[in-house]
N, C-alpha and C. Protein backbone atom coordinates (compact mmCIF):
# COMPACT_ATOMS: atom_id res chain seq x y z
N MET A 1 72.20 113.64 117.76
CA MET A 1 73.06 112.21 117.94
C MET A 1 73.08 111.45 118.62
N GLY A 2 73.03 110.23 118.95
CA GLY A 2 72.68 109.11 119.84
C GLY A 2 73.95 108.77 119.95
N ILE A 3 74.13 107.43 121.37
CA ILE A 3 75.15 107.15 121.01
C ILE A 3 75.26 105.76 120.19
N ASP A 4 73.87 105.72 119.44
CA ASP A 4 73.50 104.57 119.06
C ASP A 4 74.48 104.81 117.69
N ASP A 5 74.10 106.75 116.94
CA ASP A 5 75.00 106.94 115.58
C ASP A 5 76.33 106.47 116.08
N ILE A 6 76.61 106.78 117.11
CA ILE A 6 78.19 107.97 117.14
C ILE A 6 78.69 106.03 116.68
N ILE A 7 77.87 105.06 117.49
CA ILE A 7 78.81 103.42 117.56
C ILE A 7 79.45 103.22 116.45
N LYS A 8 78.03 103.25 115.72
CA LYS A 8 77.80 103.14 114.20
C LYS A 8 78.96 103.81 113.23
N LYS A 9 79.21 104.87 113.06
CA LYS A 9 79.96 105.19 112.85
C LYS A 9 81.46 104.89 112.69
N ALA A 10 81.78 105.15 113.96
CA ALA A 10 82.71 104.37 114.37
C ALA A 10 83.68 103.55 113.77
N LYS A 11 81.88 102.16 113.98
CA LYS A 11 82.48 100.69 113.60
C LYS A 11 82.20 101.15 111.60
N GLU A 12 82.06 101.60 111.04
CA GLU A 12 81.94 102.42 109.24
C GLU A 12 83.63 102.81 109.50
N GLU A 13 84.08 104.05 110.44
CA GLU A 13 85.54 104.54 110.65
C GLU A 13 86.74 103.51 111.04
N ALA A 14 86.86 102.49 111.17
CA ALA A 14 87.72 101.82 111.80
C ALA A 14 87.60 101.20 111.18
N THR A 15 88.06 100.61 110.03
CA THR A 15 87.91 99.14 109.10
C THR A 15 89.34 99.12 109.26
N ASP A 16 89.80 97.66 109.03
CA ASP A 16 90.97 96.49 109.01
C ASP A 16 91.96 97.63 109.03
N GLU A 17 91.71 98.40 107.39
CA GLU A 17 92.96 99.34 107.46
C GLU A 17 93.78 100.56 108.37
N ARG A 18 92.66 100.57 108.50
CA ARG A 18 92.95 101.68 109.77
C ARG A 18 93.32 101.37 111.09
N ILE A 19 92.73 100.51 111.23
CA ILE A 19 93.31 99.31 112.80
C ILE A 19 94.77 99.35 111.71
N ASP A 20 95.01 98.62 111.22
CA ASP A 20 96.86 98.36 110.88
C ASP A 20 97.59 99.48 110.58
N GLN A 21 96.77 100.74 110.29
CA GLN A 21 97.64 102.32 110.15
C GLN A 21 98.31 102.60 111.43
N ALA A 22 97.26 102.31 112.20
CA ALA A 22 97.34 103.62 113.63
C ALA A 22 98.36 101.78 114.77
N ALA A 23 97.90 101.16 114.21
CA ALA A 23 98.63 99.95 115.12
C ALA A 23 100.89 100.11 114.41
N GLY A 24 100.71 100.55 113.14
CA GLY A 24 102.26 100.85 112.51
C GLY A 24 102.41 101.91 112.99
N LEU A 25 101.92 103.52 113.80
CA LEU A 25 102.03 104.42 113.91
C LEU A 25 102.87 104.33 115.28
N LEU A 26 101.38 103.34 116.31
CA LEU A 26 101.95 103.41 117.21
C LEU A 26 103.18 102.13 117.98
N LYS A 27 103.87 101.81 117.03
CA LYS A 27 104.50 100.60 117.51
C LYS A 27 106.08 101.36 116.65
N LYS A 28 105.72 103.33 116.12
CA LYS A 28 107.01 103.80 116.01
C LYS A 28 107.39 103.83 116.95
N VAL A 29 106.22 105.14 117.81
CA VAL A 29 106.01 106.06 118.49
C VAL A 29 106.57 104.89 120.01
N ALA A 30 106.30 103.46 120.21
CA ALA A 30 106.13 102.80 121.76
C ALA A 30 107.83 102.20 121.61
N PRO A 31 107.81 101.95 123.12
CA PRO A 31 109.05 100.65 123.14
C PRO A 31 108.60 99.33 122.38
N ASP A 32 109.79 99.46 122.00
CA ASP A 32 109.65 97.99 121.30
C ASP A 32 109.31 96.24 121.62
N HIS A 33 109.17 97.08 122.78
CA HIS A 33 108.54 95.71 124.02
C HIS A 33 107.35 95.61 123.78
N VAL A 34 106.49 96.34 123.45
CA VAL A 34 105.08 96.54 123.66
C VAL A 34 104.57 96.02 121.97
N ASP A 35 105.50 95.68 121.77
CA ASP A 35 104.53 95.76 119.61
C ASP A 35 104.50 94.55 120.21
N GLU A 36 104.03 93.76 120.47
CA GLU A 36 103.61 92.04 120.98
C GLU A 36 102.03 93.07 121.07
N GLN A 37 101.78 93.34 122.29
CA GLN A 37 100.17 94.32 122.31
C GLN A 37 99.82 94.78 121.82
N ILE A 38 101.09 95.65 121.06
CA ILE A 38 99.99 96.85 119.80
C ILE A 38 99.15 95.51 119.45
N ASP A 39 100.09 94.70 118.50
CA ASP A 39 99.61 93.48 117.16
C ASP A 39 98.30 93.23 117.64
N THR A 40 98.67 92.47 119.09
CA THR A 40 97.13 91.80 119.86
C THR A 40 96.11 92.57 119.75
N TYR A 41 95.88 93.75 119.83
CA TYR A 41 94.85 94.79 120.63
C TYR A 41 93.99 95.28 119.18
N ALA A 42 95.65 95.72 117.82
CA ALA A 42 95.04 95.67 116.69
C ALA A 42 93.80 94.95 116.30
N GLU A 43 94.45 92.82 116.19
CA GLU A 43 93.50 91.39 115.89
C GLU A 43 92.44 91.45 116.85
N LYS A 44 92.39 91.80 117.60
CA LYS A 44 91.20 91.89 118.63
C LYS A 44 89.98 92.99 118.22
N ALA A 45 90.06 94.50 117.31
CA ALA A 45 90.12 95.71 117.35
C ALA A 45 89.13 95.18 115.86
N LYS A 46 90.31 94.12 115.22
CA LYS A 46 89.06 93.55 114.04
C LYS A 46 88.20 92.72 113.58
N ASP A 47 88.87 92.04 114.89
CA ASP A 47 87.62 90.99 114.90
C ASP A 47 86.46 91.55 115.40
N LEU A 48 86.09 92.50 116.46
CA LEU A 48 85.00 93.38 116.53
C LEU A 48 84.37 93.71 115.46
N ASN A 49 84.68 94.17 114.28
CA ASN A 49 84.64 94.45 112.89
C ASN A 49 83.79 93.57 112.14
N ASP A 50 84.02 91.99 112.22
CA ASP A 50 83.48 91.31 111.74
C ASP A 50 82.13 90.64 112.60
């Protein structure tokens, strides 16, 4: 399995729904003052899926 295969698999697994789930879990354990940054990075990750 080459790097291209790994990237392709990661993009297949990183659906918008899973990104939202991960962000939600992170916000549960992270301090409240970083919630906005978590949301920002989640949106950027979803943009990369397009």
